[in-house]
N, C-alpha and C. Protein backbone atom coordinates (compact mmCIF):
# COMPACT_ATOMS: atom_id res chain seq x y z
N UNK A 1 -20.37 -142.78 -76.62
CA UNK A 1 -21.28 -141.87 -75.98
C UNK A 1 -22.65 -142.03 -76.65
N UNK A 2 -23.67 -142.17 -75.83
CA UNK A 2 -25.01 -142.27 -76.38
C UNK A 2 -25.67 -140.88 -76.36
N UNK A 3 -26.90 -140.84 -76.86
CA UNK A 3 -27.60 -139.56 -76.97
C UNK A 3 -27.80 -138.90 -75.61
N UNK A 4 -28.16 -139.68 -74.62
CA UNK A 4 -28.38 -139.12 -73.28
C UNK A 4 -27.09 -138.53 -72.71
N UNK A 5 -25.98 -139.23 -72.89
CA UNK A 5 -24.71 -138.73 -72.39
C UNK A 5 -24.28 -137.47 -73.14
N UNK A 6 -24.51 -137.45 -74.44
CA UNK A 6 -24.16 -136.27 -75.23
C UNK A 6 -25.00 -135.08 -74.81
N UNK A 7 -26.27 -135.30 -74.59
CA UNK A 7 -27.16 -134.22 -74.15
C UNK A 7 -26.73 -133.68 -72.79
N UNK A 8 -26.33 -134.57 -71.90
CA UNK A 8 -25.85 -134.15 -70.58
C UNK A 8 -24.56 -133.34 -70.69
N UNK A 9 -23.66 -133.74 -71.59
CA UNK A 9 -22.41 -133.01 -71.79
C UNK A 9 -22.70 -131.61 -72.33
N UNK A 10 -23.64 -131.52 -73.27
CA UNK A 10 -23.99 -130.21 -73.83
C UNK A 10 -24.64 -129.33 -72.76
N UNK A 11 -25.54 -129.90 -71.99
CA UNK A 11 -26.21 -129.14 -70.92
C UNK A 11 -25.18 -128.62 -69.92
N UNK A 12 -24.22 -129.45 -69.56
CA UNK A 12 -23.19 -129.05 -68.62
C UNK A 12 -22.33 -127.92 -69.20
N UNK A 13 -21.95 -128.06 -70.46
CA UNK A 13 -21.15 -127.03 -71.11
C UNK A 13 -21.93 -125.72 -71.21
N UNK A 14 -23.19 -125.81 -71.57
CA UNK A 14 -24.02 -124.61 -71.69
C UNK A 14 -24.21 -123.92 -70.35
N UNK A 15 -24.29 -124.70 -69.29
CA UNK A 15 -24.48 -124.11 -67.97
C UNK A 15 -23.33 -123.17 -67.61
N UNK A 16 -22.13 -123.52 -68.04
CA UNK A 16 -20.97 -122.66 -67.77
C UNK A 16 -20.95 -121.39 -68.60
N UNK A 17 -21.65 -121.39 -69.73
CA UNK A 17 -21.65 -120.25 -70.64
C UNK A 17 -22.90 -119.39 -70.47
N UNK A 18 -24.02 -120.06 -70.33
CA UNK A 18 -25.31 -119.37 -70.17
C UNK A 18 -26.07 -120.06 -69.04
N UNK A 19 -25.74 -119.71 -67.80
CA UNK A 19 -26.32 -120.41 -66.65
C UNK A 19 -27.84 -120.41 -66.61
N UNK A 20 -28.46 -119.41 -67.22
CA UNK A 20 -29.91 -119.34 -67.21
C UNK A 20 -30.54 -120.22 -68.28
N UNK A 21 -29.74 -120.79 -69.17
CA UNK A 21 -30.25 -121.59 -70.28
C UNK A 21 -30.85 -122.91 -69.77
N UNK A 22 -32.01 -123.23 -70.30
CA UNK A 22 -32.67 -124.49 -69.98
C UNK A 22 -32.90 -125.21 -71.30
N UNK A 23 -32.11 -126.25 -71.57
CA UNK A 23 -32.20 -126.91 -72.87
C UNK A 23 -33.55 -127.60 -73.07
N UNK A 24 -34.27 -127.84 -72.00
CA UNK A 24 -35.60 -128.43 -72.13
C UNK A 24 -36.62 -127.43 -72.68
N UNK A 25 -36.27 -126.15 -72.64
CA UNK A 25 -37.19 -125.09 -73.05
C UNK A 25 -36.95 -124.58 -74.47
N UNK A 26 -35.89 -125.06 -75.12
CA UNK A 26 -35.56 -124.53 -76.44
C UNK A 26 -36.02 -125.49 -77.54
N UNK A 27 -36.13 -124.95 -78.74
CA UNK A 27 -36.41 -125.76 -79.93
C UNK A 27 -35.11 -126.45 -80.29
N UNK A 28 -35.07 -127.76 -80.13
CA UNK A 28 -33.82 -128.50 -80.32
C UNK A 28 -33.32 -128.49 -81.76
N UNK A 29 -34.20 -128.14 -82.70
CA UNK A 29 -33.76 -128.06 -84.09
C UNK A 29 -33.43 -126.62 -84.50
N UNK A 30 -33.69 -125.68 -83.60
CA UNK A 30 -33.39 -124.27 -83.88
C UNK A 30 -31.93 -123.96 -83.63
N UNK A 31 -31.48 -122.86 -84.18
CA UNK A 31 -30.09 -122.43 -84.01
C UNK A 31 -29.84 -122.08 -82.54
N UNK A 32 -28.83 -122.72 -81.96
CA UNK A 32 -28.51 -122.47 -80.55
C UNK A 32 -28.24 -121.00 -80.27
N UNK A 33 -27.54 -120.34 -81.17
CA UNK A 33 -27.22 -118.94 -80.93
C UNK A 33 -28.48 -118.10 -80.82
N UNK A 34 -29.47 -118.39 -81.64
CA UNK A 34 -30.72 -117.64 -81.57
C UNK A 34 -31.58 -118.08 -80.40
N UNK A 35 -31.65 -119.38 -80.18
CA UNK A 35 -32.49 -119.92 -79.10
C UNK A 35 -32.03 -119.44 -77.73
N UNK A 36 -30.71 -119.32 -77.56
CA UNK A 36 -30.16 -118.97 -76.25
C UNK A 36 -29.53 -117.59 -76.21
N UNK A 37 -29.68 -116.84 -77.29
CA UNK A 37 -29.13 -115.50 -77.37
C UNK A 37 -27.62 -115.51 -77.11
N UNK A 38 -26.91 -116.40 -77.80
CA UNK A 38 -25.46 -116.52 -77.67
C UNK A 38 -24.80 -115.72 -78.78
N UNK A 39 -23.75 -114.98 -78.44
CA UNK A 39 -22.99 -114.31 -79.49
C UNK A 39 -21.93 -115.28 -80.01
N UNK A 40 -21.16 -114.85 -80.98
CA UNK A 40 -20.19 -115.75 -81.61
C UNK A 40 -19.12 -116.21 -80.62
N UNK A 41 -18.75 -115.36 -79.69
CA UNK A 41 -17.75 -115.75 -78.68
C UNK A 41 -18.34 -116.79 -77.73
N UNK A 42 -19.60 -116.64 -77.35
CA UNK A 42 -20.26 -117.64 -76.52
C UNK A 42 -20.29 -119.00 -77.23
N UNK A 43 -20.59 -118.97 -78.53
CA UNK A 43 -20.64 -120.22 -79.30
C UNK A 43 -19.26 -120.86 -79.34
N UNK A 44 -18.23 -120.06 -79.55
CA UNK A 44 -16.87 -120.59 -79.55
C UNK A 44 -16.52 -121.17 -78.18
N UNK A 45 -16.91 -120.49 -77.12
CA UNK A 45 -16.68 -121.02 -75.77
C UNK A 45 -17.43 -122.34 -75.56
N UNK A 46 -18.61 -122.46 -76.15
CA UNK A 46 -19.35 -123.72 -76.06
C UNK A 46 -18.59 -124.85 -76.75
N UNK A 47 -18.07 -124.57 -77.93
CA UNK A 47 -17.31 -125.58 -78.67
C UNK A 47 -16.08 -126.02 -77.87
N UNK A 48 -15.39 -125.06 -77.26
CA UNK A 48 -14.21 -125.37 -76.44
C UNK A 48 -14.63 -126.19 -75.21
N UNK A 49 -15.71 -125.80 -74.57
CA UNK A 49 -16.19 -126.53 -73.39
C UNK A 49 -16.59 -127.96 -73.74
N UNK A 50 -17.20 -128.14 -74.90
CA UNK A 50 -17.56 -129.49 -75.35
C UNK A 50 -16.29 -130.33 -75.53
N UNK A 51 -15.27 -129.74 -76.15
CA UNK A 51 -14.00 -130.44 -76.34
C UNK A 51 -13.39 -130.84 -75.00
N UNK A 52 -13.41 -129.93 -74.04
CA UNK A 52 -12.83 -130.22 -72.73
C UNK A 52 -13.60 -131.32 -72.00
N UNK A 53 -14.91 -131.35 -72.15
CA UNK A 53 -15.73 -132.34 -71.44
C UNK A 53 -15.76 -133.70 -72.11
N UNK A 54 -15.65 -133.70 -73.45
CA UNK A 54 -15.84 -134.96 -74.18
C UNK A 54 -14.61 -135.43 -74.93
N UNK A 55 -13.67 -134.53 -75.16
CA UNK A 55 -12.50 -134.88 -75.96
C UNK A 55 -12.79 -134.81 -77.45
N UNK A 56 -13.98 -134.35 -77.82
CA UNK A 56 -14.36 -134.22 -79.23
C UNK A 56 -14.04 -132.81 -79.70
N UNK A 57 -13.08 -132.71 -80.60
CA UNK A 57 -12.73 -131.42 -81.17
C UNK A 57 -13.65 -131.16 -82.36
N UNK A 58 -14.25 -130.00 -82.39
CA UNK A 58 -15.15 -129.64 -83.48
C UNK A 58 -14.46 -128.58 -84.33
N UNK A 59 -14.00 -128.96 -85.53
CA UNK A 59 -13.33 -127.97 -86.38
C UNK A 59 -14.33 -126.92 -86.89
N UNK A 60 -13.81 -125.76 -87.20
CA UNK A 60 -14.66 -124.66 -87.63
C UNK A 60 -15.54 -125.03 -88.83
N UNK A 61 -15.02 -125.84 -89.73
CA UNK A 61 -15.79 -126.24 -90.91
C UNK A 61 -17.06 -127.02 -90.54
N UNK A 62 -17.10 -127.59 -89.32
CA UNK A 62 -18.26 -128.35 -88.87
C UNK A 62 -19.24 -127.53 -88.03
N UNK A 63 -18.95 -126.26 -87.81
CA UNK A 63 -19.85 -125.44 -87.00
C UNK A 63 -21.29 -125.44 -87.52
N UNK A 64 -21.51 -125.39 -88.84
CA UNK A 64 -22.90 -125.45 -89.30
C UNK A 64 -23.62 -126.75 -88.89
N UNK A 65 -22.88 -127.85 -88.77
CA UNK A 65 -23.47 -129.13 -88.38
C UNK A 65 -23.86 -129.15 -86.91
N UNK A 66 -23.22 -128.32 -86.10
CA UNK A 66 -23.48 -128.33 -84.65
C UNK A 66 -24.20 -127.05 -84.20
N UNK A 67 -24.83 -126.37 -85.14
CA UNK A 67 -25.49 -125.10 -84.83
C UNK A 67 -26.76 -125.28 -83.99
N UNK A 68 -27.37 -126.46 -84.05
CA UNK A 68 -28.58 -126.73 -83.26
C UNK A 68 -28.26 -127.75 -82.17
N UNK A 69 -29.13 -127.84 -81.19
CA UNK A 69 -28.94 -128.84 -80.14
C UNK A 69 -28.97 -130.25 -80.72
N UNK A 70 -29.93 -130.51 -81.60
CA UNK A 70 -30.01 -131.83 -82.24
C UNK A 70 -28.73 -132.15 -83.01
N UNK A 71 -28.25 -131.17 -83.77
CA UNK A 71 -27.04 -131.36 -84.56
C UNK A 71 -25.81 -131.60 -83.69
N UNK A 72 -25.71 -130.86 -82.62
CA UNK A 72 -24.57 -131.00 -81.72
C UNK A 72 -24.57 -132.36 -81.03
N UNK A 73 -25.73 -132.78 -80.56
CA UNK A 73 -25.84 -134.09 -79.92
C UNK A 73 -25.51 -135.20 -80.91
N UNK A 74 -26.07 -135.13 -82.12
CA UNK A 74 -25.81 -136.14 -83.15
C UNK A 74 -24.32 -136.18 -83.51
N UNK A 75 -23.70 -135.01 -83.58
CA UNK A 75 -22.27 -134.92 -83.90
C UNK A 75 -21.45 -135.62 -82.83
N UNK A 76 -21.77 -135.37 -81.56
CA UNK A 76 -21.02 -135.99 -80.46
C UNK A 76 -21.20 -137.50 -80.46
N UNK A 77 -22.42 -137.96 -80.68
CA UNK A 77 -22.68 -139.41 -80.70
C UNK A 77 -21.89 -140.05 -81.83
N UNK A 78 -21.91 -139.45 -83.01
CA UNK A 78 -21.19 -140.00 -84.18
C UNK A 78 -19.68 -139.97 -83.96
N UNK A 79 -19.18 -138.90 -83.35
CA UNK A 79 -17.74 -138.76 -83.15
C UNK A 79 -17.18 -139.72 -82.10
N UNK A 80 -18.03 -140.14 -81.20
CA UNK A 80 -17.56 -141.03 -80.12
C UNK A 80 -18.04 -142.46 -80.29
N UNK A 81 -18.89 -142.69 -81.26
CA UNK A 81 -19.51 -144.01 -81.42
C UNK A 81 -18.71 -144.92 -82.24
């Protein structure tokens, strides 16, 4: 998976959790929960949706690495590359 594909997977997953979210409008290095006003359950749903769409399981210990859009995309690229 390349960066563009990872970004598309994240955008698709986010659309199911926060339909009003526009990833082009957020600070990609900022915390997703703050940028998109996601609570902890929304974030967990995002992690599950990413797993379902990509097959990449993100263990809880890695949540700090995927807290931002940049981090999440980089994590997916590394995990599938």
